[in-house]
Amino acid sequence: MKVGFGLISLGLALFLGGSATFSPSVSAQNSAEESVKRKVRTRVSPEYPPLAKQMHISGKVKIETTISAEGRVTNTRVIGGSPLLASAALKALNEYRFEPGPKETTEIIEFEFNDPN
C-alpha cells in the first residue's frame, strides 16, 4: 500500500513540477505561429479503412504537422483520434502540398471520418 501511495505522490509531484515550468511566453509564441495558416495547394482525401468501416468507427484525427518553407510535409505527430483512422489520415496528409512560405511552420490538421452506414 505504501509503495502505491508513494508512486502516486511522486507522479503528482512530477506532474505539478513540470506544469510549473511552462512559461506564458512560449504559449503566446505558439498561438501567434498557429494564427498564420498555410493554404493547401493539393488536398488528398483519406481512404476510410475497411476495418474502421466494419466496426462503425468514426471521429476526428488531429495531427501536428511541420511544413517546410517549400510547402511539403516534413514531420507529423498524431495528437488525437482513433489509431484505426490515424494511419489513413497520416497517409493522406503526407501527400498534401501547401503554399510556400518564408519559413518552416507547424500546424494542427484535422481529418473527420464519418461512418458511411
Protein backbone atom coordinates (compact mmCIF):
# COMPACT_ATOMS: atom_id res chain seq x y z
CA MET A 1 0.00 0.00 0.00
CA LYS A 2 2.74 2.44 0.92
CA VAL A 3 4.53 1.80 -2.39
CA GLY A 4 1.40 2.64 -4.39
CA PHE A 5 0.84 5.82 -2.41
CA GLY A 6 4.49 6.79 -2.86
CA LEU A 7 4.27 6.30 -6.63
CA ILE A 8 1.12 8.37 -6.81
CA SER A 9 2.75 11.13 -4.77
CA LEU A 10 5.87 11.04 -6.96
CA GLY A 11 3.77 11.15 -10.13
CA LEU A 12 1.74 14.06 -8.80
CA ALA A 13 4.90 15.94 -7.80
CA LEU A 14 6.43 15.39 -11.24
CA PHE A 15 3.22 16.46 -12.94
CA LEU A 16 2.87 19.61 -10.87
CA GLY A 17 6.57 20.40 -11.12
CA GLY A 18 6.51 20.00 -14.91
CA SER A 19 3.49 22.22 -15.35
CA ALA A 20 5.01 24.93 -13.18
CA THR A 21 7.96 25.32 -15.59
CA PHE A 22 5.72 26.08 -18.58
CA SER A 23 6.23 29.74 -19.38
CA PRO A 24 3.47 32.03 -20.71
CA SER A 25 5.80 33.50 -23.34
CA VAL A 26 6.13 30.08 -25.01
CA SER A 27 2.36 29.74 -25.06
CA ALA A 28 1.94 33.18 -26.62
CA GLN A 29 4.58 32.40 -29.24
CA ASN A 30 2.83 29.17 -30.21
CA SER A 31 -0.56 30.83 -30.57
CA ALA A 32 0.97 33.55 -32.77
CA GLU A 33 2.53 30.91 -35.03
CA GLU A 34 -0.72 28.96 -35.23
CA SER A 35 -2.66 32.03 -36.35
CA VAL A 36 -0.75 32.04 -39.65
CA LYS A 37 -2.26 29.13 -41.54
CA ARG A 38 -0.67 27.95 -44.77
CA LYS A 39 -3.07 27.46 -47.67
CA VAL A 40 -3.38 23.95 -49.04
CA ARG A 41 -2.47 23.66 -52.73
CA THR A 42 -3.08 19.92 -53.04
CA ARG A 43 -5.53 18.22 -50.68
CA VAL A 44 -5.85 14.43 -50.61
CA SER A 45 -8.87 12.75 -49.01
CA PRO A 46 -8.01 9.81 -46.77
CA GLU A 47 -9.40 6.39 -47.60
CA TYR A 48 -11.77 5.10 -44.93
CA PRO A 49 -10.04 1.99 -43.53
CA PRO A 50 -12.10 -1.16 -44.18
CA LEU A 51 -11.76 -2.36 -40.57
CA ALA A 52 -12.99 1.00 -39.27
CA LYS A 53 -15.99 0.71 -41.62
CA GLN A 54 -16.78 -2.79 -40.35
CA MET A 55 -16.55 -1.64 -36.76
CA HIS A 56 -18.53 1.56 -37.48
CA ILE A 57 -15.71 3.72 -36.11
CA SER A 58 -15.94 7.40 -36.92
CA GLY A 59 -14.47 10.55 -35.48
CA LYS A 60 -11.75 13.12 -35.84
CA VAL A 61 -8.00 12.68 -36.10
CA LYS A 62 -5.77 15.61 -35.15
CA ILE A 63 -2.21 15.71 -36.44
CA GLU A 64 0.51 18.19 -35.60
CA THR A 65 2.27 18.85 -38.89
CA THR A 66 5.56 20.51 -39.75
CA ILE A 67 5.52 22.14 -43.18
CA SER A 68 8.74 23.14 -44.94
CA ALA A 69 9.21 26.59 -46.45
CA GLU A 70 8.65 24.91 -49.85
CA GLY A 71 5.23 23.63 -48.73
CA ARG A 72 5.94 19.93 -48.13
CA VAL A 73 5.01 17.96 -45.02
CA THR A 74 8.28 17.12 -43.25
CA ASN A 75 7.09 15.78 -39.90
CA THR A 76 3.84 14.56 -38.36
CA ARG A 77 2.64 13.57 -34.90
CA VAL A 78 -0.85 12.23 -34.13
CA ILE A 79 -2.24 14.15 -31.16
CA GLY A 80 -5.77 12.75 -31.10
CA GLY A 81 -8.13 10.24 -32.64
CA SER A 82 -8.60 6.54 -33.21
CA PRO A 83 -5.46 4.61 -34.18
CA LEU A 84 -7.55 2.80 -36.82
CA LEU A 85 -8.26 6.13 -38.52
CA ALA A 86 -4.91 7.80 -37.85
CA SER A 87 -2.91 5.72 -40.33
CA ALA A 88 -5.22 6.70 -43.21
CA ALA A 89 -5.09 10.36 -42.17
CA LEU A 90 -1.27 10.30 -42.00
CA LYS A 91 -1.02 8.71 -45.43
CA ALA A 92 -3.26 11.39 -46.95
CA LEU A 93 -1.54 14.25 -45.12
CA ASN A 94 1.89 13.21 -46.38
CA GLU A 95 0.57 13.83 -49.91
CA TYR A 96 -0.66 17.36 -49.10
CA ARG A 97 1.17 20.31 -50.66
CA PHE A 98 0.95 23.78 -49.12
CA GLU A 99 1.69 27.26 -50.40
CA PRO A 100 5.37 28.18 -49.98
CA GLY A 101 6.18 30.38 -47.02
CA PRO A 102 9.10 32.36 -45.62
CA LYS A 103 9.99 29.59 -43.13
CA GLU A 104 9.02 26.21 -41.74
CA THR A 105 5.73 26.24 -39.85
CA THR A 106 3.84 23.88 -37.54
CA GLU A 107 0.08 23.48 -37.76
CA ILE A 108 -2.67 21.23 -36.48
CA ILE A 109 -4.53 19.48 -39.30
CA GLU A 110 -7.82 17.74 -38.54
CA PHE A 111 -9.49 14.97 -40.51
CA GLU A 112 -13.06 13.87 -39.90
CA PHE A 113 -14.22 10.36 -40.66
CA ASN A 114 -17.98 9.79 -40.79
CA ASP A 115 -19.34 6.25 -40.78
CA PRO A 116 -20.89 5.77 -44.25
CA ASN A 117 -23.58 3.40 -42.87
